[in-house]
Protein backbone atom coordinates (compact mmCIF):
# COMPACT_ATOMS: atom_id res chain seq x y z
CA UNK A 1 -28.20 -43.73 -4.11
CA UNK A 2 -30.29 -46.85 -3.53
CA UNK A 3 -32.05 -48.17 -0.48
CA UNK A 4 -29.32 -50.83 -0.18
CA UNK A 5 -26.63 -48.16 0.15
CA UNK A 6 -28.71 -46.36 2.80
CA UNK A 7 -28.82 -49.59 4.79
CA UNK A 8 -25.06 -49.93 4.44
CA UNK A 9 -24.50 -46.35 5.54
CA UNK A 10 -26.60 -46.77 8.69
CA UNK A 11 -24.80 -50.03 9.49
CA UNK A 12 -21.43 -48.33 9.00
CA UNK A 13 -22.31 -45.52 11.42
CA UNK A 14 -23.40 -48.03 14.05
CA UNK A 15 -20.06 -49.80 13.67
CA UNK A 16 -18.03 -46.58 13.70
CA UNK A 17 -19.74 -45.50 16.93
CA UNK A 18 -19.56 -49.04 18.32
CA UNK A 19 -18.57 -47.98 21.82
CA UNK A 20 -19.30 -44.26 21.56
CA UNK A 21 -22.55 -42.51 22.54
CA UNK A 22 -24.89 -42.21 19.57
CA UNK A 23 -28.32 -41.46 21.04
CA UNK A 24 -29.20 -40.33 24.56
CA UNK A 25 -32.83 -40.40 25.66
CA UNK A 26 -33.74 -38.05 28.50
CA UNK A 27 -36.35 -39.07 31.05
CA UNK A 28 -37.94 -37.37 34.02
CA UNK A 29 -36.07 -36.16 37.12
CA UNK A 30 -32.68 -36.15 35.43
CA UNK A 31 -32.76 -39.79 34.35
CA UNK A 32 -31.31 -40.67 30.97
CA UNK A 33 -30.21 -43.67 28.92
CA UNK A 34 -27.38 -43.52 26.38
CA UNK A 35 -27.12 -46.01 23.54
CA UNK A 36 -23.82 -46.66 21.79
CA UNK A 37 -23.73 -47.79 18.20
CA UNK A 38 -23.39 -51.40 19.32
CA UNK A 39 -26.28 -51.16 21.79
CA UNK A 40 -28.55 -49.54 19.22
CA UNK A 41 -27.67 -52.18 16.62
CA UNK A 42 -28.40 -54.98 19.09
CA UNK A 43 -31.78 -53.50 20.01
CA UNK A 44 -32.63 -53.10 16.34
CA UNK A 45 -31.86 -56.75 15.63
CA UNK A 46 -34.11 -57.79 18.54
CA UNK A 47 -36.96 -55.67 17.19
CA UNK A 48 -36.55 -57.06 13.68
CA UNK A 49 -36.80 -60.59 15.12
CA UNK A 50 -39.98 -59.60 16.98
CA UNK A 51 -41.54 -58.35 13.74
CA UNK A 52 -40.61 -61.56 11.93
CA UNK A 53 -42.24 -63.64 14.69
CA UNK A 54 -45.42 -61.60 14.88
CA UNK A 55 -45.89 -60.34 11.33
CA UNK A 56 -44.11 -62.85 9.16
CA UNK A 57 -40.96 -62.35 7.17
CA UNK A 58 -40.34 -58.76 6.06
CA UNK A 59 -39.53 -56.20 4.92
CA UNK A 60 -42.69 -54.45 6.08
CA UNK A 61 -44.42 -51.10 5.77
CA UNK A 62 -44.97 -50.23 9.42
CA UNK A 63 -46.98 -47.32 10.75
CA UNK A 64 -45.49 -46.26 14.07
CA UNK A 65 -47.79 -44.60 16.62
CA UNK A 66 -45.29 -44.74 19.47
CA UNK A 67 -44.56 -41.91 21.90
CA UNK A 68 -41.23 -40.12 21.77
CA UNK A 69 -38.48 -42.23 23.28
CA UNK A 70 -36.29 -45.27 22.97
CA UNK A 71 -38.82 -47.64 21.39
CA UNK A 72 -39.47 -45.29 18.49
CA UNK A 73 -35.76 -44.69 17.90
CA UNK A 74 -35.05 -48.42 17.83
CA UNK A 75 -38.00 -48.95 15.46
CA UNK A 76 -36.57 -46.34 13.09
CA UNK A 77 -33.13 -47.97 12.98
CA UNK A 78 -34.61 -51.47 12.71
CA UNK A 79 -36.76 -50.42 9.75
CA UNK A 80 -33.87 -48.78 7.92
CA UNK A 81 -31.56 -51.75 8.48
CA UNK A 82 -34.18 -54.25 7.31
CA UNK A 83 -35.07 -52.36 4.15
CA UNK A 84 -38.61 -51.68 5.31
CA UNK A 85 -40.69 -48.51 5.32
CA UNK A 86 -41.34 -46.45 8.45
CA UNK A 87 -44.52 -44.34 8.61
CA UNK A 88 -44.35 -42.25 11.81
CA UNK A 89 -47.65 -40.78 12.99
CA UNK A 90 -48.80 -38.95 16.10
CA UNK A 91 -50.20 -41.30 18.75
CA UNK A 92 -54.01 -41.02 18.61
CA UNK A 93 -55.89 -38.53 20.75
CA UNK A 94 -59.51 -38.46 21.80
CA UNK A 95 -60.08 -35.33 19.69
CA UNK A 96 -58.87 -36.97 16.45
CA UNK A 97 -61.46 -37.37 13.69
CA UNK A 98 -62.81 -40.96 13.47
CA UNK A 99 -60.85 -43.18 11.14
CA UNK A 100 -57.80 -40.90 10.93
CA UNK A 101 -55.33 -43.77 11.33
CA UNK A 102 -57.41 -46.06 9.10
CA UNK A 103 -57.20 -43.62 6.21
CA UNK A 104 -53.44 -43.17 6.70
CA UNK A 105 -52.82 -46.93 6.99
CA UNK A 106 -54.74 -47.75 3.81
CA UNK A 107 -53.04 -44.95 1.89
CA UNK A 108 -49.58 -46.21 2.87
CA UNK A 109 -50.35 -49.93 2.64
CA UNK A 110 -49.29 -50.50 6.25
CA UNK A 111 -48.70 -54.08 7.37
CA UNK A 112 -49.36 -53.15 10.99
CA UNK A 113 -49.41 -50.23 13.42
CA UNK A 114 -46.84 -50.29 16.21
CA UNK A 115 -48.00 -48.86 19.53
CA UNK A 116 -47.86 -49.54 23.27
CA UNK A 117 -50.43 -51.26 25.46
CA UNK A 118 -51.35 -47.84 26.86
CA UNK A 119 -52.83 -46.68 23.56
CA UNK A 120 -53.58 -50.02 21.87
CA UNK A 121 -57.34 -49.75 22.36
CA UNK A 122 -57.48 -46.24 20.88
CA UNK A 123 -55.30 -47.28 17.93
CA UNK A 124 -57.57 -50.27 17.25
CA UNK A 125 -60.63 -48.04 17.43
CA UNK A 126 -59.08 -45.62 14.94
CA UNK A 127 -58.14 -48.44 12.56
CA UNK A 128 -61.72 -49.69 12.61
CA UNK A 129 -63.01 -46.28 11.54
CA UNK A 130 -64.69 -46.46 8.18
CA UNK A 131 -64.54 -50.27 8.28
CA UNK A 132 -68.14 -50.54 7.10
CA UNK A 133 -66.99 -49.35 3.68
CA UNK A 134 -64.15 -51.91 3.79
CA UNK A 135 -66.23 -55.02 4.47
CA UNK A 136 -66.06 -54.60 8.24
CA UNK A 137 -62.30 -55.19 8.38
CA UNK A 138 -59.92 -52.82 10.19
CA UNK A 139 -57.30 -51.14 8.04
CA UNK A 140 -54.50 -53.34 9.40
CA UNK A 141 -53.49 -55.22 12.57
CA UNK A 142 -52.15 -53.62 15.76
CA UNK A 143 -48.86 -54.72 17.35
CA UNK A 144 -48.04 -53.48 20.86
CA UNK A 145 -44.25 -53.54 21.22
CA UNK A 146 -44.48 -54.13 24.98
CA UNK A 147 -46.94 -57.02 24.63
CA UNK A 148 -46.35 -58.54 21.18
CA UNK A 149 -48.57 -61.32 19.89
CA UNK A 150 -48.62 -62.82 16.37
CA UNK A 151 -51.14 -61.23 14.01
CA UNK A 152 -52.81 -62.60 10.90
CA UNK A 153 -51.02 -62.61 7.59
CA UNK A 154 -51.75 -59.86 5.12
CA UNK A 155 -51.31 -59.66 1.33
CA UNK A 156 -48.57 -57.04 1.55
CA UNK A 157 -46.40 -58.96 4.03
CA UNK A 158 -42.87 -59.36 2.73
CA UNK A 159 -43.35 -57.27 -0.39
CA UNK A 160 -40.41 -55.01 -1.38
CA UNK A 161 -40.52 -51.52 0.17
CA UNK A 162 -39.70 -48.75 -2.27
CA UNK A 163 -39.46 -45.89 0.25
CA UNK A 164 -37.57 -46.04 3.57
CA UNK A 165 -39.81 -43.32 5.05
CA UNK A 166 -43.31 -42.03 4.38
CA UNK A 167 -43.94 -38.69 6.06
CA UNK A 168 -47.22 -36.86 6.51
CA UNK A 169 -47.75 -33.16 6.03
CA UNK A 170 -48.98 -31.19 9.03
CA UNK A 171 -52.48 -30.82 7.59
CA UNK A 172 -52.92 -27.15 8.52
CA UNK A 173 -55.35 -26.57 5.64
CA UNK A 174 -56.66 -30.10 4.93
CA UNK A 175 -56.18 -33.76 5.86
CA UNK A 176 -52.46 -34.70 6.14
CA UNK A 177 -51.02 -35.96 2.87
CA UNK A 178 -48.68 -38.97 2.64
CA UNK A 179 -45.25 -38.00 1.26
CA UNK A 180 -43.09 -40.94 0.11
CA UNK A 181 -39.39 -40.17 0.59
CA UNK A 182 -36.68 -42.06 -1.27
CA UNK A 183 -33.20 -42.86 -0.02
CA UNK A 184 -31.75 -40.53 -2.65
CA UNK A 185 -33.86 -37.64 -1.40
CA UNK A 186 -32.83 -38.31 2.20
CA UNK A 187 -29.17 -38.44 1.28
CA UNK A 188 -29.30 -35.27 -0.83
CA UNK A 189 -31.18 -33.22 1.75
CA UNK A 190 -28.98 -34.46 4.57
CA UNK A 191 -25.92 -33.48 2.54
CA UNK A 192 -27.25 -29.95 1.96
CA UNK A 193 -27.76 -29.34 5.67
CA UNK A 194 -24.43 -30.90 6.51
CA UNK A 195 -22.67 -28.56 4.09
CA UNK A 196 -24.61 -25.34 4.69
CA UNK A 197 -24.83 -25.70 8.47
CA UNK A 198 -21.37 -27.16 9.03
CA UNK A 199 -22.48 -30.45 10.59
CA UNK A 200 -20.12 -33.36 11.34
CA UNK A 201 -19.56 -36.33 13.64
CA UNK A 202 -18.52 -33.79 16.29
CA UNK A 203 -21.98 -32.20 16.26
CA UNK A 204 -24.15 -32.61 19.35
CA UNK A 205 -27.90 -32.27 18.77
CA UNK A 206 -30.59 -31.66 21.39
CA UNK A 207 -34.02 -32.47 20.02
CA UNK A 208 -37.47 -32.10 21.57
CA UNK A 209 -39.43 -31.74 18.31
CA UNK A 210 -42.13 -34.30 17.45
CA UNK A 211 -40.60 -37.44 15.94
CA UNK A 212 -43.49 -37.85 13.50
CA UNK A 213 -42.86 -34.62 11.53
CA UNK A 214 -40.04 -33.70 9.19
CA UNK A 215 -38.19 -31.19 11.37
CA UNK A 216 -37.87 -33.60 14.27
CA UNK A 217 -37.69 -36.88 12.35
CA UNK A 218 -35.30 -35.90 9.58
CA UNK A 219 -33.41 -32.92 10.92
CA UNK A 220 -32.91 -33.98 14.51
CA UNK A 221 -33.02 -37.80 14.51
CA UNK A 222 -32.19 -39.35 11.14
CA UNK A 223 -29.70 -36.78 9.82
CA UNK A 224 -27.56 -36.74 12.99
CA UNK A 225 -27.54 -40.53 12.77
CA UNK A 226 -26.23 -40.33 9.20
CA UNK A 227 -23.59 -37.80 10.28
CA UNK A 228 -22.48 -40.17 13.05
CA UNK A 229 -23.25 -37.41 15.54
CA UNK A 230 -24.47 -37.70 19.12
CA UNK A 231 -28.12 -36.68 19.53
CA UNK A 232 -29.93 -36.07 22.82
CA UNK A 233 -33.66 -36.77 22.54
CA UNK A 234 -36.34 -35.22 24.78
CA UNK A 235 -40.11 -35.52 24.97
CA UNK A 236 -41.95 -32.55 23.44
CA UNK A 237 -44.28 -32.55 26.44
CA UNK A 238 -41.38 -31.88 28.82
CA UNK A 239 -40.52 -28.69 26.92
CA UNK A 240 -44.16 -27.61 26.61
CA UNK A 241 -44.62 -28.04 30.35
CA UNK A 242 -41.35 -26.29 31.18
CA UNK A 243 -39.45 -24.47 28.39
CA UNK A 244 -36.38 -24.09 30.60
CA UNK A 245 -35.84 -27.86 30.29
CA UNK A 246 -34.85 -27.33 26.65
CA UNK A 247 -32.13 -24.80 27.39
CA UNK A 248 -30.96 -26.77 30.43
CA UNK A 249 -30.41 -29.81 28.21
CA UNK A 250 -28.41 -27.69 25.74
CA UNK A 251 -26.32 -26.34 28.58
CA UNK A 252 -25.75 -29.71 30.27
CA UNK A 253 -24.98 -31.76 27.15
CA UNK A 254 -23.00 -28.95 25.44
CA UNK A 255 -25.20 -29.09 22.37
CA UNK A 256 -23.97 -27.39 19.22
CA UNK A 257 -27.30 -27.39 17.36
CA UNK A 258 -30.94 -27.23 18.37
CA UNK A 259 -34.03 -25.30 17.38
CA UNK A 260 -37.74 -25.32 16.76
CA UNK A 261 -40.73 -23.30 15.58
CA UNK A 262 -41.47 -19.75 16.68
CA UNK A 263 -43.68 -20.68 19.62
CA UNK A 264 -40.75 -22.40 21.36
CA UNK A 265 -38.70 -19.20 21.29
CA UNK A 266 -41.67 -17.17 22.52
CA UNK A 267 -42.27 -19.64 25.36
CA UNK A 268 -38.64 -19.30 26.44
CA UNK A 269 -38.89 -15.51 26.42
CA UNK A 270 -42.11 -15.48 28.40
CA UNK A 271 -41.76 -18.40 30.80
CA UNK A 272 -38.08 -18.75 31.75
CA UNK A 273 -37.38 -16.78 34.90
CA UNK A 274 -34.17 -14.94 35.67
CA UNK A 275 -33.48 -17.53 38.35
CA UNK A 276 -33.87 -20.43 35.89
CA UNK A 277 -31.65 -18.69 33.34
CA UNK A 278 -28.88 -17.81 35.77
CA UNK A 279 -27.17 -21.20 35.65
CA UNK A 280 -27.33 -21.73 31.89
CA UNK A 281 -24.20 -21.89 29.74
CA UNK A 282 -25.25 -21.60 26.09
CA UNK A 283 -21.81 -20.85 24.67
CA UNK A 284 -21.68 -24.23 22.85
CA UNK A 285 -24.92 -23.53 20.93
CA UNK A 286 -23.52 -22.68 17.49
CA UNK A 287 -26.62 -23.31 15.36
CA UNK A 288 -29.98 -22.01 16.61
CA UNK A 289 -32.55 -22.64 13.87
CA UNK A 290 -36.06 -21.26 13.86
CA UNK A 291 -38.30 -22.91 11.29
CA UNK A 292 -41.80 -21.65 10.56
CA UNK A 293 -43.88 -20.04 7.84
CA UNK A 294 -43.27 -17.27 8.66
CA UNK A 295 -40.80 -16.21 11.41
CA UNK A 296 -41.69 -12.79 12.87
CA UNK A 297 -39.00 -10.15 12.53
CA UNK A 298 -37.24 -9.22 15.73
CA UNK A 299 -37.93 -12.54 17.45
CA UNK A 300 -34.42 -13.90 17.04
CA UNK A 301 -32.87 -10.60 18.11
CA UNK A 302 -35.02 -10.61 21.26
CA UNK A 303 -34.05 -14.19 21.98
CA UNK A 304 -30.37 -13.34 21.67
CA UNK A 305 -30.73 -10.25 23.84
CA UNK A 306 -32.45 -12.30 26.53
CA UNK A 307 -29.76 -15.02 26.65
CA UNK A 308 -26.60 -13.18 25.56
CA UNK A 309 -25.44 -13.12 29.16
CA UNK A 310 -25.53 -16.93 29.05
CA UNK A 311 -23.02 -17.04 26.22
CA UNK A 312 -25.41 -17.21 23.26
CA UNK A 313 -23.81 -15.69 20.15
CA UNK A 314 -25.95 -13.45 17.92
CA UNK A 315 -24.59 -15.08 14.77
CA UNK A 316 -25.85 -18.48 15.91
CA UNK A 317 -29.52 -17.65 15.30
CA UNK A 318 -31.15 -17.93 11.88
CA UNK A 319 -34.48 -18.59 10.20
CA UNK A 320 -35.02 -21.56 7.93
CA UNK A 321 -37.75 -22.94 5.68
CA UNK A 322 -38.78 -26.38 4.54
CA UNK A 323 -41.51 -28.99 4.37
CA UNK A 324 -42.10 -32.73 4.19
CA UNK A 325 -42.50 -32.54 0.40
CA UNK A 326 -38.83 -31.57 0.01
CA UNK A 327 -37.75 -34.17 2.59
CA UNK A 328 -37.08 -31.36 5.07
CA UNK A 329 -34.87 -28.41 4.17
CA UNK A 330 -35.42 -25.85 1.40
CA UNK A 331 -33.71 -22.61 2.52
CA UNK A 332 -32.03 -20.90 5.45
CA UNK A 333 -28.26 -20.98 5.53
CA UNK A 334 -26.48 -20.70 8.85
CA UNK A 335 -24.25 -17.69 8.57
CA UNK A 336 -23.22 -14.32 9.98
CA UNK A 337 -25.88 -11.73 10.71
CA UNK A 338 -26.25 -9.22 7.87
CA UNK A 339 -27.90 -6.28 9.62
CA UNK A 340 -27.00 -3.90 6.80
CA UNK A 341 -29.32 -5.49 4.25
CA UNK A 342 -32.39 -3.45 3.38
CA UNK A 343 -35.68 -5.31 3.67
CA UNK A 344 -38.57 -4.15 1.45
CA UNK A 345 -41.41 -2.62 3.45
CA UNK A 346 -43.90 -5.35 2.52
CA UNK A 347 -41.69 -7.96 4.22
CA UNK A 348 -40.57 -5.92 7.21
CA UNK A 349 -42.57 -8.07 9.63
CA UNK A 350 -40.90 -11.38 8.70
CA UNK A 351 -37.41 -12.74 9.21
CA UNK A 352 -35.56 -13.60 6.00
CA UNK A 353 -34.01 -17.00 5.28
CA UNK A 354 -30.46 -16.62 3.97
CA UNK A 355 -30.07 -18.28 0.56
CA UNK A 356 -27.02 -20.09 -0.73
CA UNK A 357 -26.27 -20.45 -4.42
CA UNK A 358 -27.62 -24.01 -4.29
CA UNK A 359 -30.89 -23.21 -2.54
CA UNK A 360 -31.54 -20.11 -4.66
CA UNK A 361 -31.31 -22.21 -7.83
CA UNK A 362 -34.14 -24.46 -6.59
CA UNK A 363 -36.66 -21.69 -5.83
CA UNK A 364 -39.07 -19.81 -8.05
CA UNK A 365 -41.36 -17.01 -6.96
CA UNK A 366 -44.29 -17.61 -9.30
CA UNK A 367 -47.50 -15.90 -10.26
CA UNK A 368 -50.06 -18.32 -8.74
CA UNK A 369 -52.35 -17.97 -11.77
CA UNK A 370 -49.89 -18.21 -14.67
CA UNK A 371 -46.86 -19.90 -13.12
CA UNK A 372 -44.59 -17.26 -14.62
CA UNK A 373 -41.50 -16.37 -12.61
CA UNK A 374 -41.72 -13.03 -10.81
CA UNK A 375 -38.77 -10.68 -10.32
CA UNK A 376 -37.00 -10.15 -7.02
CA UNK A 377 -39.00 -7.84 -4.79
CA UNK A 378 -42.38 -9.25 -5.87
CA UNK A 379 -44.60 -11.45 -3.73
CA UNK A 380 -45.84 -14.69 -5.24
CA UNK A 381 -46.19 -18.40 -4.56
CA UNK A 382 -43.01 -20.24 -3.61
CA UNK A 383 -42.22 -23.13 -5.98
CA UNK A 384 -39.47 -25.67 -5.31
CA UNK A 385 -37.53 -28.11 -7.46
CA UNK A 386 -34.45 -30.29 -7.07
CA UNK A 387 -33.25 -33.70 -5.88
CA UNK A 388 -34.83 -33.32 -2.42
CA UNK A 389 -38.39 -32.77 -3.72
CA UNK A 390 -40.75 -35.74 -3.63
CA UNK A 391 -42.33 -37.09 -6.81
CA UNK A 392 -45.95 -37.34 -5.68
CA UNK A 393 -48.36 -37.90 -2.82
CA UNK A 394 -49.69 -41.34 -2.02
CA UNK A 395 -53.40 -42.00 -2.40
CA UNK A 396 -54.24 -38.40 -3.19
CA UNK A 397 -58.01 -37.93 -3.21
CA UNK A 398 -58.80 -36.77 -6.74
CA UNK A 399 -62.20 -35.63 -5.52
CA UNK A 400 -60.77 -32.65 -3.67
CA UNK A 401 -62.35 -29.64 -5.31
CA UNK A 402 -60.81 -26.32 -6.15
CA UNK A 403 -57.22 -27.56 -5.79
CA UNK A 404 -54.61 -26.59 -8.38
CA UNK A 405 -52.10 -29.24 -9.36
CA UNK A 406 -49.49 -29.71 -6.64
CA UNK A 407 -46.77 -30.58 -9.16
CA UNK A 408 -46.41 -28.70 -12.44
CA UNK A 409 -43.97 -28.74 -15.34
CA UNK A 410 -42.47 -26.01 -17.48
CA UNK A 411 -42.51 -26.44 -21.27
CA UNK A 412 -38.87 -27.60 -21.04
CA UNK A 413 -39.86 -30.38 -18.62
CA UNK A 414 -38.59 -28.74 -15.41
CA UNK A 415 -40.77 -30.06 -12.60
CA UNK A 416 -41.90 -27.84 -9.70
CA UNK A 417 -43.66 -28.37 -6.40
CA UNK A 418 -46.28 -25.73 -5.64
CA UNK A 419 -45.81 -25.15 -1.91
CA UNK A 420 -48.92 -23.05 -1.27
CA UNK A 421 -46.72 -20.60 0.64
CA UNK A 422 -46.39 -16.93 -0.31
CA UNK A 423 -43.19 -14.96 -0.24
CA UNK A 424 -40.50 -13.23 -2.22
CA UNK A 425 -36.77 -12.78 -2.62
CA UNK A 426 -34.80 -9.67 -1.78
CA UNK A 427 -31.04 -9.73 -2.14
CA UNK A 428 -29.75 -12.92 -0.50
CA UNK A 429 -32.92 -13.62 1.47
CA UNK A 430 -36.17 -15.50 1.00
CA UNK A 431 -39.07 -13.93 2.91
CA UNK A 432 -42.06 -16.17 3.67
CA UNK A 433 -45.25 -14.28 4.48
CA UNK A 434 -47.70 -17.13 5.03
CA UNK A 435 -50.00 -19.66 3.39
CA UNK A 436 -51.80 -18.68 0.20
CA UNK A 437 -55.06 -19.86 1.76
CA UNK A 438 -54.50 -17.72 4.84
CA UNK A 439 -54.68 -14.23 3.39
CA UNK A 440 -57.07 -11.32 3.80
CA UNK A 441 -57.59 -9.14 0.72
CA UNK A 442 -57.53 -5.39 1.34
CA UNK A 443 -58.03 -3.13 -1.69
CA UNK A 444 -56.60 -5.81 -3.96
CA UNK A 445 -53.60 -6.40 -1.69
CA UNK A 446 -52.95 -9.67 0.14
CA UNK A 447 -52.40 -9.34 3.89
CA UNK A 448 -51.11 -12.50 5.59
CA UNK A 449 -53.17 -13.73 8.52
CA UNK A 450 -49.97 -14.02 10.56
CA UNK A 451 -49.33 -10.29 10.14
CA UNK A 452 -52.71 -9.44 11.66
CA UNK A 453 -52.12 -11.91 14.50
CA UNK A 454 -48.71 -10.49 15.33
CA UNK A 455 -49.96 -6.91 15.26
CA UNK A 456 -52.77 -7.81 17.65
CA UNK A 457 -50.46 -9.66 20.05
CA UNK A 458 -48.21 -6.61 20.35
CA UNK A 459 -50.99 -4.78 22.18
CA UNK A 460 -50.69 -6.93 25.32
CA UNK A 461 -47.96 -9.21 26.67
CA UNK A 462 -50.44 -11.95 27.58
CA UNK A 463 -51.68 -12.44 24.01
CA UNK A 464 -50.15 -15.36 22.14
CA UNK A 465 -49.30 -14.65 18.46
CA UNK A 466 -48.67 -18.37 17.88
CA UNK A 467 -52.14 -19.19 19.21
CA UNK A 468 -54.25 -16.97 16.99
CA UNK A 469 -56.39 -17.13 13.87
CA UNK A 470 -57.26 -14.16 11.66
CA UNK A 471 -59.43 -14.81 8.62
CA UNK A 472 -62.12 -13.34 6.39
CA UNK A 473 -65.34 -14.90 7.64
CA UNK A 474 -68.20 -16.07 5.48
CA UNK A 475 -70.00 -13.01 4.13
CA UNK A 476 -67.31 -10.58 5.33
CA UNK A 477 -66.98 -7.32 3.46
CA UNK A 478 -63.75 -6.82 1.46
CA UNK A 479 -60.94 -5.84 3.81
CA UNK A 480 -62.82 -7.07 6.89
CA UNK A 481 -61.85 -10.05 9.04
CA UNK A 482 -62.30 -11.80 12.35
CA UNK A 483 -59.68 -12.53 14.99
CA UNK A 484 -59.57 -15.20 17.67
CA UNK A 485 -56.50 -15.09 19.89
CA UNK A 486 -55.49 -17.13 22.91
CA UNK A 487 -54.01 -15.94 26.16
CA UNK A 488 -50.68 -17.20 27.39
CA UNK A 489 -50.46 -19.77 30.15
CA UNK A 490 -50.75 -18.15 33.56
CA UNK A 491 -52.12 -14.89 32.20
CA UNK A 492 -53.40 -12.60 34.94
CA UNK A 493 -56.95 -11.18 34.80
CA UNK A 494 -57.19 -8.11 32.59
CA UNK A 495 -58.55 -4.88 34.01
CA UNK A 496 -60.17 -3.60 30.80
CA UNK A 497 -60.49 -6.26 28.06
CA UNK A 498 -62.87 -4.05 26.06
CA UNK A 499 -60.20 -1.34 25.95
CA UNK A 500 -57.68 -3.91 24.71
CA UNK A 501 -60.05 -4.98 21.93
CA UNK A 502 -60.38 -1.35 20.84
CA UNK A 503 -56.59 -0.92 20.77
CA UNK A 504 -56.18 -4.07 18.68
CA UNK A 505 -58.74 -2.84 16.13
CA UNK A 506 -57.02 0.51 15.86
CA UNK A 507 -53.49 -0.90 15.57
CA UNK A 508 -54.38 -3.49 12.93
CA UNK A 509 -56.39 -1.02 10.82
CA UNK A 510 -53.63 1.58 10.97
CA UNK A 511 -50.82 -0.83 10.09
CA UNK A 512 -52.29 -3.07 7.38
CA UNK A 513 -55.77 -1.73 6.66
CA UNK A 514 -57.70 -4.78 7.91
CA UNK A 515 -60.94 -4.00 9.75
CA UNK A 516 -61.62 -6.52 12.50
CA UNK A 517 -65.37 -7.03 12.85
CA UNK A 518 -65.11 -9.43 15.78
CA UNK A 519 -62.33 -10.16 18.24
CA UNK A 520 -62.44 -12.99 20.75
CA UNK A 521 -59.99 -13.52 23.61
CA UNK A 522 -59.75 -17.25 24.33
CA UNK A 523 -58.26 -19.49 27.01
CA UNK A 524 -55.01 -21.20 26.10
CA UNK A 525 -55.48 -24.35 24.02
CA UNK A 526 -58.95 -23.47 22.68
CA UNK A 527 -58.08 -23.22 18.98
CA UNK A 528 -57.75 -26.41 16.92
CA UNK A 529 -54.20 -27.35 16.01
CA UNK A 530 -52.39 -29.83 13.81
CA UNK A 531 -50.28 -32.58 15.34
CA UNK A 532 -47.27 -30.28 14.88
CA UNK A 533 -48.93 -27.40 16.76
CA UNK A 534 -50.01 -25.21 13.82
CA UNK A 535 -53.36 -23.43 14.07
CA UNK A 536 -56.00 -24.77 11.66
CA UNK A 537 -57.35 -21.39 10.54
CA UNK A 538 -59.85 -22.83 8.08
CA UNK A 539 -61.28 -25.11 10.74
CA UNK A 540 -61.49 -22.12 13.08
CA UNK A 541 -63.56 -20.35 10.44
CA UNK A 542 -65.90 -23.35 10.18
CA UNK A 543 -66.21 -23.66 13.98
CA UNK A 544 -66.57 -19.93 14.57
CA UNK A 545 -69.83 -20.02 16.56
CA UNK A 546 -68.65 -22.58 19.11
CA UNK A 547 -65.26 -20.95 19.53
CA UNK A 548 -66.76 -17.52 20.13
CA UNK A 549 -68.89 -19.19 22.77
CA UNK A 550 -65.69 -20.08 24.61
CA UNK A 551 -64.42 -16.49 24.63
CA UNK A 552 -63.88 -14.96 28.04
CA UNK A 553 -63.65 -11.51 29.57
CA UNK A 554 -60.90 -12.08 32.06
CA UNK A 555 -61.96 -9.40 34.52
CA UNK A 556 -65.26 -11.15 35.32
CA UNK A 557 -64.54 -14.71 34.11
CA UNK A 558 -67.94 -14.58 32.39
CA UNK A 559 -68.43 -16.21 29.01
CA UNK A 560 -68.81 -13.41 26.48
CA UNK A 561 -68.02 -12.36 22.97
CA UNK A 562 -65.76 -9.38 22.49
CA UNK A 563 -67.69 -7.85 19.62
CA UNK A 564 -68.39 -4.35 18.40
């Protein structure tokens, strides 16, 4: 499939849904705006004309630092229809490293960065980062969509755009990498999900996931558009502030598919009251996907048990796996629950992703050192191949030390993506245990950081397993590690935090053999995260001293370190 055919397909969907709802954008206090195919097409044409006036004739590579909402959605459709390239990025924050957007813009060859007047100054500041090395020039111009003014010409204006979308990885272990995605890869991956998850024009999607990462962008915005399905779009901040808003939207709009990472399910379990849940009707929710690396075992069963009275079917919930480098989806078929399958003991703490014949054929569990395929039941690095996998990264810094090749070939020419994730296959399931860089070695055995974090969180209901970092610190003895874990929002003062620390040490040592030298209980939001909400464990290790300084004993509210 070529970019031209992708443009035709988008145009055809807009025409087919000419008078029918295609995208609904939810606002505050129950307000919403629904765009039909005709309305969305008209808005896209207006935005294309604005770009031509301000940037010169396209197509353009445009970095989009817009908040979630109508302007971003129109920009996406306008880019696809015009044959340009969309590069969605998180709107800048004060805590971002200097020059973050500048580096991304130069890597992608952006013609301009789209933003709003509210964040224009911060975007411009970011684009000027590192400008001394670039002759004092910012990486590219800034165009505020709510106050557009013509900007200077640039050498790349009007040049053909090879990729309709350039995604960025989450950057949990290093700076986000630019992943160029072709129209063929989009079409193939969209077709896999459509087939394996049973999607159609009758599907109704509720999405609150960030629009600048693959799960939200591809799975919940672009793919529903290609299906001709109605999608309901929410701000991620509305769900973070009040998780019940997510399930209320599913209930009100009769959504058939929606999902998110593990923390969203945990937030619903912990922060939705019986009163808030009483009016929910979740009987329409046929596909409940939970995507993370990894998904803790028992989480989906608990979620079903909590909301079964609201009509949620047990067979609707399933774990899935993917990444920007394979456009989005790699494994996790929607299907009936198979409670009779035996899970090997080493993977008992993680939820398996059900494999289809097609997804199984594109996965290898490899020895990280030799690349040789390992048998079922063995843990190794997950390698991926197939039509959805990207060809390369853009502007990859060859000076990064200690990194194995991201893409490797077998002697017969078969090309594989090294994901950096560890896992294994048992029966019909893929089990993901965590990142290869986030392991603690105990007597020659790899223990995933996530396993330690989950074990610790089980010792008290106010500990957040999705807001934790376990790692072997610099100079740690073999089998020893450190743990920093956040408290949930609204956690009550603890009577005996020292006793809790002792219980955590005992439970973790007994279950997986890891000896925790230091444990710090932290306020919510203390640990550094990626723009998609993942904990940056390696940064935590580097910033250990300052983070321990933020630790609190909740019974006295005094700053302290919970150490042995």
